[in-house]
Every structure is written in C-alpha cells, then in structure tokens.
Amino acid sequence: MLDYPALATLAAVVREGGFERAAARLGVTPSAVSQRVRALEERVGGILVVRGQPPVATGLGTRLIAHLERVRLLEGDLAPVVPPSDGAGPVRPTVRVAVNADSLAAWFMPAAARFAAATDALLDLALDDEGRTADRLRSGEVVAAVTADPVPVPGCRIRPLGSLRYVAVASPGFHLRHFADGVDAAALSRAPILRFDGHDRLQDRWARERAGVDLDAPTHWVPSAQGFLEGALLGLGWAMNPLALAGPHLAAGRLVELLPGRPLDVPLHWQAVRLGAGLIDRLTRAVTVEARARLVPPA
C-alpha cells in the first residue's frame, strides 16, 4: 500500500517548486518534507525527485503523482455521498488539464468557469503547444487535454472539438513597409515574424500551404498569446493569431490580413482519462459546449 500523505508531499514539492515552499503549503517543517520524500523513495526503491532549483520529478515520480491525481479525482466523485472521516469539510478536488495558450485566450476560459461554478472543483491548467499537450496526458501529468493530436491516448476518451481558425495579420504600417509590392517569397524572407516558442510552426505551415513559400525570416520570440496580438498591433512583426482575438481589430482596421481569405484551421480534440467519470464528464460537457459555440465545426 502506498503512503498517500507522503505522495501528497512529493506532489507539493514538485508543484510548489521547492521543499521549503511545500513545507509552508503543508504546514510542516522542511525537514519533515524531506523525510517523507526520502521514506517514499526507500519504499518504492527509486529516486522520485531530482533535487534542484526547482526540484523536478523523475519518470517514476511523475507516474506516482499522476496516480495520486487520479485517486483524488475518484475521491472527488465520492465526496457528495461519503463525508470526510476527520470531520473536516469536503476537500475540493483539483483537475489538471493541458491546454494550448491560444485556446486558453480565445475560447477555453468560459468553459473552465462554467465547470468550476457547477462543481466547486479547482482547475490546474498546464500550458503547452497544441501538438504536445497529448504528451502531458500520456506521461500522466494531466488528466485531460485540448490537443491537435488525433491519436487516442491509451485509457482516454477522445472527441473532436472543431478547428481554431488562425489568420496571418500585421499592423497596416507594417504591411505597408514590408508587403507594399505583395506577399511573396522575397517579402516573407525579410519581414520579421512572431513565434511563441521553438515548437511554434504555424507561421511556417501557413506560408507553405497558403502562400507556397518555405519560410525563413527574422524572428521575435513572444511566449504569450496576448503578447502575440499586441506585438502585431504595434508593428513588431506579423503573426498567426486566432480569428476570435484578431477579428475585432481587423474590423476596426487596426490589423490587416497578409492574404485575405486564406486562414489556417487547426483541428482540436479533447482527450480525458476514463477515471473520475463524474467530474471529467462534467468538464467534458462544458468544454464541448464552448467549443461548439466558438470553433469552426468539425468536417
């Protein structure tokens, strides 16, 4: 039998980013936190966390923390009918979800708010590229994900959500400076672009599929969905922005499309573990309803 208080301590060390912070969170001493983690490592026969700044869970540690999250989900489903044994109030379950930054900014938050209001559960949202969120699910870091990966993760349900529509946009001044003679290979090679991070390839995909160009351009790195939009508005570079965010600025003339009428649609899927069906099913319904209202319908 696993020591679940020790597992919760391990999770706190990783989540809080340090032994002292975990101790403050749990109301114990840093020494007690260290002893609990060490005892758990001796119990399972392996290192669970790499002691660094911040501490990082090993593969085994990640799997055990994921197991703890699933147990908490199951307990969350039982909370309405089984009172806590210590006489304290019910523990609010936390649901950890991986979601890409553009979805978070463009459509996901109303679903999150609706779910939290209906269940009193807490959400822990992990940001990652839409092509990598399913990896968070496979590793057990999260129990649900908005992902562009159409391959079902073992032990998870998958359903299409629709497509997030992107448009290539720039400020009118930027467009005049860099694309006065048209959007061609030469202009696209000179005009600065905005990228979210090293995994962001939407600009490359749009240039190849919509303009027939292999993109190789000066790059500004802007790891923020809001920063992406603001950077385009200020003329820092051109960027792929969700139409849901860029639309009002296009209508007002603050942004222009590089190639009008040539958006890029990115199909999204919802994947969630089969355990903890009550809470997960309610979150799935909230996400599905919001996606149906905000995304391009699936083909």
C-alpha atoms as a PDB file:
ATOM      1  CA  MET A   1       0.000   0.000   0.000  1.00  0.00           C
ATOM      2  CA  LEU A   2       1.324   3.406  -0.947  1.00  0.00           C
ATOM      3  CA  ASP A   3       1.778   6.129   1.660  1.00  0.00           C
ATOM      4  CA  TYR A   4      -0.653   8.732   0.318  1.00  0.00           C
ATOM      5  CA  PRO A   5       0.314  11.543   2.716  1.00  0.00           C
ATOM      6  CA  ALA A   6       3.902  11.077   1.527  1.00  0.00           C
ATOM      7  CA  LEU A   7       2.690  11.067  -2.081  1.00  0.00           C
ATOM      8  CA  ALA A   8       0.854  14.328  -1.424  1.00  0.00           C
ATOM      9  CA  THR A   9       4.102  15.738  -0.004  1.00  0.00           C
ATOM     10  CA  LEU A  10       6.004  14.712  -3.126  1.00  0.00           C
ATOM     11  CA  ALA A  11       3.360  16.342  -5.306  1.00  0.00           C
ATOM     12  CA  ALA A  12       3.586  19.536  -3.224  1.00  0.00           C
ATOM     13  CA  VAL A  13       7.384  19.679  -3.638  1.00  0.00           C
ATOM     14  CA  VAL A  14       7.060  19.477  -7.427  1.00  0.00           C
ATOM     15  CA  ARG A  15       4.011  21.732  -7.650  1.00  0.00           C
ATOM     16  CA  GLU A  16       5.340  24.422  -5.291  1.00  0.00           C
ATOM     17  CA  GLY A  17       8.835  24.321  -6.755  1.00  0.00           C
ATOM     18  CA  GLY A  18      10.800  23.584  -3.594  1.00  0.00           C
ATOM     19  CA  PHE A  19      10.936  21.750  -0.273  1.00  0.00           C
ATOM     20  CA  GLU A  20      10.556  24.906   1.821  1.00  0.00           C
ATOM     21  CA  ARG A  21       7.581  26.103  -0.205  1.00  0.00           C
ATOM     22  CA  ALA A  22       5.993  22.668   0.099  1.00  0.00           C
ATOM     23  CA  ALA A  23       6.553  22.777   3.850  1.00  0.00           C
ATOM     24  CA  ALA A  24       4.840  26.162   4.093  1.00  0.00           C
ATOM     25  CA  ARG A  25       1.963  24.868   1.984  1.00  0.00           C
ATOM     26  CA  LEU A  26       1.549  21.749   4.124  1.00  0.00           C
ATOM     27  CA  GLY A  27       2.153  23.444   7.479  1.00  0.00           C
ATOM     28  CA  VAL A  28       5.156  21.275   8.422  1.00  0.00           C
ATOM     29  CA  THR A  29       8.918  21.790   8.581  1.00  0.00           C
ATOM     30  CA  PRO A  30      11.210  21.434   5.542  1.00  0.00           C
ATOM     31  CA  SER A  31      12.910  18.593   7.406  1.00  0.00           C
ATOM     32  CA  ALA A  32       9.618  16.723   7.667  1.00  0.00           C
ATOM     33  CA  VAL A  33       9.011  17.192   3.940  1.00  0.00           C
ATOM     34  CA  SER A  34      12.471  15.835   3.129  1.00  0.00           C
ATOM     35  CA  GLN A  35      11.987  12.849   5.441  1.00  0.00           C
ATOM     36  CA  ARG A  36       8.634  11.975   3.890  1.00  0.00           C
ATOM     37  CA  VAL A  37      10.005  12.083   0.355  1.00  0.00           C
ATOM     38  CA  ARG A  38      13.087  10.078   1.335  1.00  0.00           C
ATOM     39  CA  ALA A  39      10.944   7.443   3.077  1.00  0.00           C
ATOM     40  CA  LEU A  40       8.724   7.177  -0.008  1.00  0.00           C
ATOM     41  CA  GLU A  41      11.784   6.729  -2.227  1.00  0.00           C
ATOM     42  CA  GLU A  42      13.010   3.931   0.044  1.00  0.00           C
ATOM     43  CA  ARG A  43       9.549   2.356  -0.061  1.00  0.00           C
ATOM     44  CA  VAL A  44       9.360   2.271  -3.879  1.00  0.00           C
ATOM     45  CA  GLY A  45      13.072   1.662  -4.430  1.00  0.00           C
ATOM     46  CA  GLY A  46      13.834   4.593  -6.690  1.00  0.00           C
ATOM     47  CA  ILE A  47      14.572   8.307  -6.886  1.00  0.00           C
ATOM     48  CA  LEU A  48      11.355  10.310  -7.214  1.00  0.00           C
ATOM     49  CA  VAL A  49      12.613  13.875  -7.472  1.00  0.00           C
ATOM     50  CA  VAL A  50      15.838  15.443  -8.705  1.00  0.00           C
ATOM     51  CA  ARG A  51      16.889  17.904  -6.014  1.00  0.00           C
ATOM     52  CA  GLY A  52      17.480  21.138  -7.870  1.00  0.00           C
ATOM     53  CA  GLN A  53      16.124  24.663  -8.242  1.00  0.00           C
ATOM     54  CA  PRO A  54      13.348  23.871  -8.835  1.00  0.00           C
ATOM     55  CA  PRO A  55      13.030  20.171  -7.951  1.00  0.00           C
ATOM     56  CA  VAL A  56      11.932  18.048 -10.919  1.00  0.00           C
ATOM     57  CA  ALA A  57      10.039  14.767 -10.703  1.00  0.00           C
ATOM     58  CA  THR A  58      11.715  11.736 -12.242  1.00  0.00           C
ATOM     59  CA  GLY A  59       9.758   9.432 -14.534  1.00  0.00           C
ATOM     60  CA  LEU A  60       8.758   7.280 -11.573  1.00  0.00           C
ATOM     61  CA  GLY A  61       7.890  10.357  -9.526  1.00  0.00           C
ATOM     62  CA  THR A  62       5.706  11.691 -12.337  1.00  0.00           C
ATOM     63  CA  ARG A  63       3.827   8.390 -12.541  1.00  0.00           C
ATOM     64  CA  LEU A  64       3.204   8.339  -8.802  1.00  0.00           C
ATOM     65  CA  ILE A  65       1.990  11.948  -8.774  1.00  0.00           C
ATOM     66  CA  ALA A  66      -0.322  11.101 -11.685  1.00  0.00           C
ATOM     67  CA  HIS A  67      -1.653   8.142  -9.686  1.00  0.00           C
ATOM     68  CA  LEU A  68      -2.336  10.459  -6.754  1.00  0.00           C
ATOM     69  CA  GLU A  69      -4.238  12.871  -9.021  1.00  0.00           C
ATOM     70  CA  ARG A  70      -6.437  10.034 -10.280  1.00  0.00           C
ATOM     71  CA  VAL A  71      -7.146   8.869  -6.740  1.00  0.00           C
ATOM     72  CA  ARG A  72      -8.157  12.415  -5.833  1.00  0.00           C
ATOM     73  CA  LEU A  73     -10.461  12.508  -8.844  1.00  0.00           C
ATOM     74  CA  LEU A  74     -12.192   9.324  -7.707  1.00  0.00           C
ATOM     75  CA  GLU A  75     -12.490  10.727  -4.195  1.00  0.00           C
ATOM     76  CA  GLY A  76     -13.951  13.895  -5.669  1.00  0.00           C
ATOM     77  CA  ASP A  77     -16.730  11.857  -7.242  1.00  0.00           C
ATOM     78  CA  LEU A  78     -17.443  10.262  -3.853  1.00  0.00           C
ATOM     79  CA  ALA A  79     -17.349  13.498  -1.853  1.00  0.00           C
ATOM     80  CA  PRO A  80     -21.109  14.238  -2.131  1.00  0.00           C
ATOM     81  CA  VAL A  81     -22.046  10.864  -0.597  1.00  0.00           C
ATOM     82  CA  VAL A  82     -19.093   9.985   1.670  1.00  0.00           C
ATOM     83  CA  PRO A  83     -18.242  12.590   4.340  1.00  0.00           C
ATOM     84  CA  PRO A  84     -14.571  13.012   5.296  1.00  0.00           C
ATOM     85  CA  SER A  85     -13.523  10.791   8.200  1.00  0.00           C
ATOM     86  CA  ASP A  86     -11.670  13.523  10.088  1.00  0.00           C
ATOM     87  CA  GLY A  87     -14.744  15.702  10.430  1.00  0.00           C
ATOM     88  CA  ALA A  88     -13.285  18.454   8.270  1.00  0.00           C
ATOM     89  CA  GLY A  89     -15.152  19.965   5.388  1.00  0.00           C
ATOM     90  CA  PRO A  90     -15.054  18.300   1.980  1.00  0.00           C
ATOM     91  CA  VAL A  91     -11.777  18.571   0.085  1.00  0.00           C
ATOM     92  CA  ARG A  92     -12.176  20.395  -3.218  1.00  0.00           C
ATOM     93  CA  PRO A  93     -10.723  18.200  -5.975  1.00  0.00           C
ATOM     94  CA  THR A  94      -8.249  19.685  -8.433  1.00  0.00           C
ATOM     95  CA  VAL A  95      -8.427  18.711 -12.109  1.00  0.00           C
ATOM     96  CA  ARG A  96      -5.174  19.197 -14.014  1.00  0.00           C
ATOM     97  CA  VAL A  97      -5.656  19.964 -17.719  1.00  0.00           C
ATOM     98  CA  ALA A  98      -3.180  20.681 -20.539  1.00  0.00           C
ATOM     99  CA  VAL A  99      -4.276  23.379 -22.964  1.00  0.00           C
ATOM    100  CA  ASN A 100      -2.533  25.486 -25.597  1.00  0.00           C
ATOM    101  CA  ALA A 101      -2.161  29.212 -24.973  1.00  0.00           C
ATOM    102  CA  ASP A 102      -4.308  30.275 -27.948  1.00  0.00           C
ATOM    103  CA  SER A 103      -7.233  28.114 -26.860  1.00  0.00           C
ATOM    104  CA  LEU A 104      -6.905  29.477 -23.345  1.00  0.00           C
ATOM    105  CA  ALA A 105      -7.050  33.042 -24.673  1.00  0.00           C
ATOM    106  CA  ALA A 106      -9.663  32.505 -27.393  1.00  0.00           C
ATOM    107  CA  TRP A 107     -12.342  30.152 -26.043  1.00  0.00           C
ATOM    108  CA  PHE A 108     -11.451  27.788 -23.177  1.00  0.00           C
ATOM    109  CA  MET A 109     -11.843  30.032 -20.128  1.00  0.00           C
ATOM    110  CA  PRO A 110     -15.672  30.311 -20.217  1.00  0.00           C
ATOM    111  CA  ALA A 111     -15.837  26.513 -20.175  1.00  0.00           C
ATOM    112  CA  ALA A 112     -13.448  26.419 -17.217  1.00  0.00           C
ATOM    113  CA  ALA A 113     -15.512  28.993 -15.320  1.00  0.00           C
ATOM    114  CA  ARG A 114     -18.769  27.161 -16.021  1.00  0.00           C
ATOM    115  CA  PHE A 115     -17.310  23.851 -14.821  1.00  0.00           C
ATOM    116  CA  ALA A 116     -15.834  25.340 -11.646  1.00  0.00           C
ATOM    117  CA  ALA A 117     -19.072  27.120 -10.759  1.00  0.00           C
ATOM    118  CA  ALA A 118     -21.116  23.945 -11.237  1.00  0.00           C
ATOM    119  CA  THR A 119     -18.821  21.562  -9.347  1.00  0.00           C
ATOM    120  CA  ASP A 120     -16.788  23.672  -6.893  1.00  0.00           C
ATOM    121  CA  ALA A 121     -13.734  21.804  -8.243  1.00  0.00           C
ATOM    122  CA  LEU A 122     -10.425  23.558  -8.828  1.00  0.00           C
ATOM    123  CA  LEU A 123      -8.521  23.624 -12.112  1.00  0.00           C
ATOM    124  CA  ASP A 124      -4.765  23.440 -12.616  1.00  0.00           C
ATOM    125  CA  LEU A 125      -4.084  24.444 -16.235  1.00  0.00           C
ATOM    126  CA  ALA A 126      -0.770  23.439 -17.806  1.00  0.00           C
ATOM    127  CA  LEU A 127       0.191  25.408 -20.925  1.00  0.00           C
ATOM    128  CA  ASP A 128       1.858  23.714 -23.877  1.00  0.00           C
ATOM    129  CA  ASP A 129       1.808  23.686 -27.662  1.00  0.00           C
ATOM    130  CA  GLU A 130      -1.324  22.001 -29.054  1.00  0.00           C
ATOM    131  CA  GLY A 131       0.905  19.406 -30.711  1.00  0.00           C
ATOM    132  CA  ARG A 132       2.451  18.453 -27.354  1.00  0.00           C
ATOM    133  CA  THR A 133      -0.424  18.546 -24.868  1.00  0.00           C
ATOM    134  CA  ALA A 134      -1.253  14.881 -25.558  1.00  0.00           C
ATOM    135  CA  ASP A 135       2.259  14.009 -24.361  1.00  0.00           C
ATOM    136  CA  ARG A 136       1.338  15.533 -20.990  1.00  0.00           C
ATOM    137  CA  LEU A 137      -1.629  13.163 -20.922  1.00  0.00           C
ATOM    138  CA  ARG A 138       0.489  10.143 -21.902  1.00  0.00           C
ATOM    139  CA  SER A 139       3.003  10.896 -19.156  1.00  0.00           C
ATOM    140  CA  GLY A 140       0.252  11.191 -16.560  1.00  0.00           C
ATOM    141  CA  GLU A 141       0.973  14.832 -15.776  1.00  0.00           C
ATOM    142  CA  VAL A 142      -2.626  15.796 -16.574  1.00  0.00           C
ATOM    143  CA  VAL A 143      -5.985  14.034 -16.712  1.00  0.00           C
ATOM    144  CA  ALA A 144      -7.378  15.864 -19.750  1.00  0.00           C
ATOM    145  CA  ALA A 145      -6.044  17.894 -22.664  1.00  0.00           C
ATOM    146  CA  VAL A 146      -7.000  20.109 -25.579  1.00  0.00           C
ATOM    147  CA  THR A 147      -4.781  18.746 -28.316  1.00  0.00           C
ATOM    148  CA  ALA A 148      -4.152  18.739 -32.043  1.00  0.00           C
ATOM    149  CA  ASP A 149      -3.070  15.096 -31.788  1.00  0.00           C
ATOM    150  CA  PRO A 150      -5.863  12.891 -33.234  1.00  0.00           C
ATOM    151  CA  VAL A 151      -4.327   9.651 -31.902  1.00  0.00           C
ATOM    152  CA  PRO A 152      -6.215   8.440 -28.804  1.00  0.00           C
ATOM    153  CA  VAL A 153      -4.086   8.202 -25.669  1.00  0.00           C
ATOM    154  CA  PRO A 154      -4.463   4.750 -24.046  1.00  0.00           C
ATOM    155  CA  GLY A 155      -7.058   4.833 -21.287  1.00  0.00           C
ATOM    156  CA  CYS A 156      -8.602   8.071 -22.551  1.00  0.00           C
ATOM    157  CA  ARG A 157     -11.733   9.085 -24.406  1.00  0.00           C
ATOM    158  CA  ILE A 158     -11.290  11.376 -27.411  1.00  0.00           C
ATOM    159  CA  ARG A 159     -13.737  13.593 -29.236  1.00  0.00           C
ATOM    160  CA  PRO A 160     -13.301  16.251 -31.943  1.00  0.00           C
ATOM    161  CA  LEU A 161     -13.936  19.821 -30.810  1.00  0.00           C
ATOM    162  CA  GLY A 162     -13.707  21.697 -34.101  1.00  0.00           C
ATOM    163  CA  SER A 163     -10.949  23.864 -35.533  1.00  0.00           C
ATOM    164  CA  LEU A 164      -9.353  27.007 -34.169  1.00  0.00           C
ATOM    165  CA  ARG A 165      -9.143  29.400 -37.121  1.00  0.00           C
ATOM    166  CA  TYR A 166      -5.946  31.434 -37.478  1.00  0.00           C
ATOM    167  CA  VAL A 167      -5.266  34.434 -39.695  1.00  0.00           C
ATOM    168  CA  ALA A 168      -1.900  35.888 -40.702  1.00  0.00           C
ATOM    169  CA  VAL A 169      -2.072  39.520 -39.587  1.00  0.00           C
ATOM    170  CA  ALA A 170       0.039  42.651 -39.262  1.00  0.00           C
ATOM    171  CA  SER A 171      -0.495  46.303 -38.493  1.00  0.00           C
ATOM    172  CA  PRO A 172      -1.316  48.492 -41.513  1.00  0.00           C
ATOM    173  CA  GLY A 173       2.021  50.299 -41.156  1.00  0.00           C
ATOM    174  CA  PHE A 174       3.987  47.047 -41.000  1.00  0.00           C
ATOM    175  CA  HIS A 175       2.091  45.734 -44.024  1.00  0.00           C
ATOM    176  CA  LEU A 176       2.895  48.887 -45.978  1.00  0.00           C
ATOM    177  CA  ARG A 177       6.599  48.709 -45.091  1.00  0.00           C
ATOM    178  CA  HIS A 178       7.125  45.052 -45.872  1.00  0.00           C
ATOM    179  CA  PHE A 179       4.386  43.950 -48.278  1.00  0.00           C
ATOM    180  CA  ALA A 180       3.668  47.011 -50.434  1.00  0.00           C
ATOM    181  CA  ASP A 181       4.620  45.003 -53.531  1.00  0.00           C
ATOM    182  CA  GLY A 182       2.782  41.854 -52.456  1.00  0.00           C
ATOM    183  CA  VAL A 183       3.189  38.872 -50.165  1.00  0.00           C
ATOM    184  CA  ASP A 184       5.816  36.822 -51.964  1.00  0.00           C
ATOM    185  CA  ALA A 185       8.854  34.753 -51.035  1.00  0.00           C
ATOM    186  CA  ALA A 186      11.211  37.734 -51.008  1.00  0.00           C
ATOM    187  CA  ALA A 187       8.976  39.840 -48.771  1.00  0.00           C
ATOM    188  CA  LEU A 188       8.285  36.950 -46.397  1.00  0.00           C
ATOM    189  CA  SER A 189      12.018  36.297 -46.054  1.00  0.00           C
ATOM    190  CA  ARG A 190      12.630  39.916 -44.927  1.00  0.00           C
ATOM    191  CA  ALA A 191       9.577  40.693 -42.781  1.00  0.00           C
ATOM    192  CA  PRO A 192      10.029  39.828 -39.065  1.00  0.00           C
ATOM    193  CA  ILE A 193       7.653  37.222 -37.654  1.00  0.00           C
ATOM    194  CA  LEU A 194       6.477  36.444 -34.135  1.00  0.00           C
ATOM    195  CA  ARG A 195       6.918  32.939 -32.732  1.00  0.00           C
ATOM    196  CA  PHE A 196       5.589  31.653 -29.425  1.00  0.00           C
ATOM    197  CA  ASP A 197       8.460  29.199 -28.796  1.00  0.00           C
ATOM    198  CA  GLY A 198      10.651  26.674 -30.563  1.00  0.00           C
ATOM    199  CA  HIS A 199       7.693  24.365 -31.188  1.00  0.00           C
ATOM    200  CA  ASP A 200       5.574  27.022 -32.880  1.00  0.00           C
ATOM    201  CA  ARG A 201       5.381  26.225 -36.577  1.00  0.00           C
ATOM    202  CA  LEU A 202       2.025  27.765 -37.520  1.00  0.00           C
ATOM    203  CA  GLN A 203       3.700  30.552 -39.481  1.00  0.00           C
ATOM    204  CA  ASP A 204       5.697  28.011 -41.496  1.00  0.00           C
ATOM    205  CA  ARG A 205       2.612  25.931 -42.183  1.00  0.00           C
ATOM    206  CA  TRP A 206       0.553  28.940 -43.296  1.00  0.00           C
ATOM    207  CA  ALA A 207       3.345  30.233 -45.565  1.00  0.00           C
ATOM    208  CA  ARG A 208       3.758  26.829 -47.169  1.00  0.00           C
ATOM    209  CA  GLU A 209       0.075  25.936 -47.557  1.00  0.00           C
ATOM    210  CA  ARG A 210      -1.391  29.362 -48.308  1.00  0.00           C
ATOM    211  CA  ALA A 211       1.482  31.226 -49.976  1.00  0.00           C
ATOM    212  CA  GLY A 212       3.591  28.371 -51.349  1.00  0.00           C
ATOM    213  CA  VAL A 213       6.682  29.637 -49.531  1.00  0.00           C
ATOM    214  CA  ASP A 214       9.203  27.897 -47.261  1.00  0.00           C
ATOM    215  CA  LEU A 215       9.531  30.439 -44.501  1.00  0.00           C
ATOM    216  CA  ASP A 216      12.927  31.641 -43.289  1.00  0.00           C
ATOM    217  CA  ALA A 217      12.517  35.048 -41.673  1.00  0.00           C
ATOM    218  CA  PRO A 218      13.847  37.185 -38.798  1.00  0.00           C
ATOM    219  CA  THR A 219      12.087  36.123 -35.606  1.00  0.00           C
ATOM    220  CA  HIS A 220      10.845  37.801 -32.447  1.00  0.00           C
ATOM    221  CA  TRP A 221      10.147  35.286 -29.646  1.00  0.00           C
ATOM    222  CA  VAL A 222       6.970  36.223 -27.759  1.00  0.00           C
ATOM    223  CA  PRO A 223       5.712  33.439 -25.403  1.00  0.00           C
ATOM    224  CA  SER A 224       2.303  34.976 -24.745  1.00  0.00           C
ATOM    225  CA  ALA A 225      -0.976  34.847 -26.655  1.00  0.00           C
ATOM    226  CA  GLN A 226      -1.802  38.404 -25.598  1.00  0.00           C
ATOM    227  CA  GLY A 227       1.750  39.468 -26.396  1.00  0.00           C
ATOM    228  CA  PHE A 228       1.379  37.971 -29.862  1.00  0.00           C
ATOM    229  CA  LEU A 229      -1.683  40.080 -30.533  1.00  0.00           C
ATOM    230  CA  GLU A 230      -0.156  43.225 -29.056  1.00  0.00           C
ATOM    231  CA  GLY A 231       3.080  42.676 -30.961  1.00  0.00           C
ATOM    232  CA  ALA A 232       1.182  42.522 -34.238  1.00  0.00           C
ATOM    233  CA  LEU A 233      -0.837  45.606 -33.357  1.00  0.00           C
ATOM    234  CA  LEU A 234       2.338  47.555 -32.549  1.00  0.00           C
ATOM    235  CA  GLY A 235       4.089  46.552 -35.759  1.00  0.00           C
ATOM    236  CA  LEU A 236       6.701  44.317 -34.119  1.00  0.00           C
ATOM    237  CA  GLY A 237       6.111  41.615 -36.725  1.00  0.00           C
ATOM    238  CA  TRP A 238       3.433  39.638 -38.484  1.00  0.00           C
ATOM    239  CA  ALA A 239       1.848  36.721 -36.662  1.00  0.00           C
ATOM    240  CA  MET A 240      -0.691  33.940 -36.767  1.00  0.00           C
ATOM    241  CA  ASN A 241      -3.466  34.946 -34.387  1.00  0.00           C
ATOM    242  CA  PRO A 242      -6.778  33.232 -33.678  1.00  0.00           C
ATOM    243  CA  LEU A 243      -9.552  34.945 -35.618  1.00  0.00           C
ATOM    244  CA  ALA A 244     -11.526  35.124 -32.371  1.00  0.00           C
ATOM    245  CA  LEU A 245      -8.881  37.512 -30.996  1.00  0.00           C
ATOM    246  CA  ALA A 246      -7.847  39.297 -34.185  1.00  0.00           C
ATOM    247  CA  GLY A 247     -11.361  39.724 -35.640  1.00  0.00           C
ATOM    248  CA  PRO A 248     -12.350  42.925 -33.804  1.00  0.00           C
ATOM    249  CA  HIS A 249      -9.018  44.545 -34.733  1.00  0.00           C
ATOM    250  CA  LEU A 250      -9.425  43.506 -38.372  1.00  0.00           C
ATOM    251  CA  ALA A 251     -12.908  45.011 -38.430  1.00  0.00           C
ATOM    252  CA  ALA A 252     -11.612  48.260 -36.916  1.00  0.00           C
ATOM    253  CA  GLY A 253      -8.675  48.482 -39.324  1.00  0.00           C
ATOM    254  CA  ARG A 254      -6.030  48.113 -36.616  1.00  0.00           C
ATOM    255  CA  LEU A 255      -4.856  44.879 -38.260  1.00  0.00           C
ATOM    256  CA  VAL A 256      -4.872  43.642 -41.849  1.00  0.00           C
ATOM    257  CA  GLU A 257      -4.577  40.134 -43.254  1.00  0.00           C
ATOM    258  CA  LEU A 258      -1.469  39.346 -45.243  1.00  0.00           C
ATOM    259  CA  LEU A 259      -3.543  37.263 -47.669  1.00  0.00           C
ATOM    260  CA  PRO A 260      -7.257  37.989 -47.136  1.00  0.00           C
ATOM    261  CA  GLY A 261      -9.499  34.962 -47.209  1.00  0.00           C
ATOM    262  CA  ARG A 262      -6.701  32.453 -46.640  1.00  0.00           C
ATOM    263  CA  PRO A 263      -6.966  31.410 -42.976  1.00  0.00           C
ATOM    264  CA  LEU A 264      -5.446  28.300 -41.445  1.00  0.00           C
ATOM    265  CA  ASP A 265      -7.710  25.964 -39.484  1.00  0.00           C
ATOM    266  CA  VAL A 266      -6.138  23.791 -36.762  1.00  0.00           C
ATOM    267  CA  PRO A 267      -8.363  20.852 -35.727  1.00  0.00           C
ATOM    268  CA  LEU A 268      -8.525  20.347 -31.972  1.00  0.00           C
ATOM    269  CA  HIS A 269      -9.542  17.328 -29.932  1.00  0.00           C
ATOM    270  CA  TRP A 270     -10.487  16.749 -26.324  1.00  0.00           C
ATOM    271  CA  GLN A 271      -8.920  13.774 -24.579  1.00  0.00           C
ATOM    272  CA  ALA A 272      -9.634  12.817 -20.990  1.00  0.00           C
ATOM    273  CA  VAL A 273      -8.998   9.845 -18.715  1.00  0.00           C
ATOM    274  CA  ARG A 274     -11.828   7.417 -18.098  1.00  0.00           C
ATOM    275  CA  LEU A 275     -11.395   7.523 -14.306  1.00  0.00           C
ATOM    276  CA  GLY A 276     -13.203  10.038 -12.169  1.00  0.00           C
ATOM    277  CA  ALA A 277     -16.080   9.946 -14.614  1.00  0.00           C
ATOM    278  CA  GLY A 278     -18.363  12.331 -12.729  1.00  0.00           C
ATOM    279  CA  LEU A 279     -16.076  15.365 -12.706  1.00  0.00           C
ATOM    280  CA  ILE A 280     -14.422  14.564 -16.035  1.00  0.00           C
ATOM    281  CA  ASP A 281     -17.777  14.104 -17.760  1.00  0.00           C
ATOM    282  CA  ARG A 282     -18.966  17.476 -16.488  1.00  0.00           C
ATOM    283  CA  LEU A 283     -15.772  19.162 -17.623  1.00  0.00           C
ATOM    284  CA  THR A 284     -16.096  17.448 -20.999  1.00  0.00           C
ATOM    285  CA  ARG A 285     -19.638  18.762 -21.417  1.00  0.00           C
ATOM    286  CA  ALA A 286     -18.579  22.308 -20.544  1.00  0.00           C
ATOM    287  CA  VAL A 287     -15.635  22.191 -22.963  1.00  0.00           C
ATOM    288  CA  THR A 288     -17.742  20.671 -25.745  1.00  0.00           C
ATOM    289  CA  VAL A 289     -20.482  23.280 -25.425  1.00  0.00           C
ATOM    290  CA  GLU A 290     -17.984  26.143 -25.559  1.00  0.00           C
ATOM    291  CA  ALA A 291     -16.081  24.624 -28.460  1.00  0.00           C
ATOM    292  CA  ARG A 292     -19.307  24.186 -30.423  1.00  0.00           C
ATOM    293  CA  ALA A 293     -20.029  27.896 -29.994  1.00  0.00           C
ATOM    294  CA  ARG A 294     -16.517  29.242 -30.657  1.00  0.00           C
ATOM    295  CA  LEU A 295     -14.705  26.873 -33.051  1.00  0.00           C
ATOM    296  CA  VAL A 296     -15.134  26.002 -36.717  1.00  0.00           C
ATOM    297  CA  PRO A 297     -17.320  22.835 -36.722  1.00  0.00           C
ATOM    298  CA  PRO A 298     -15.529  19.561 -37.438  1.00  0.00           C
ATOM    299  CA  ALA A 299     -15.828  18.301 -41.010  1.00  0.00           C
END
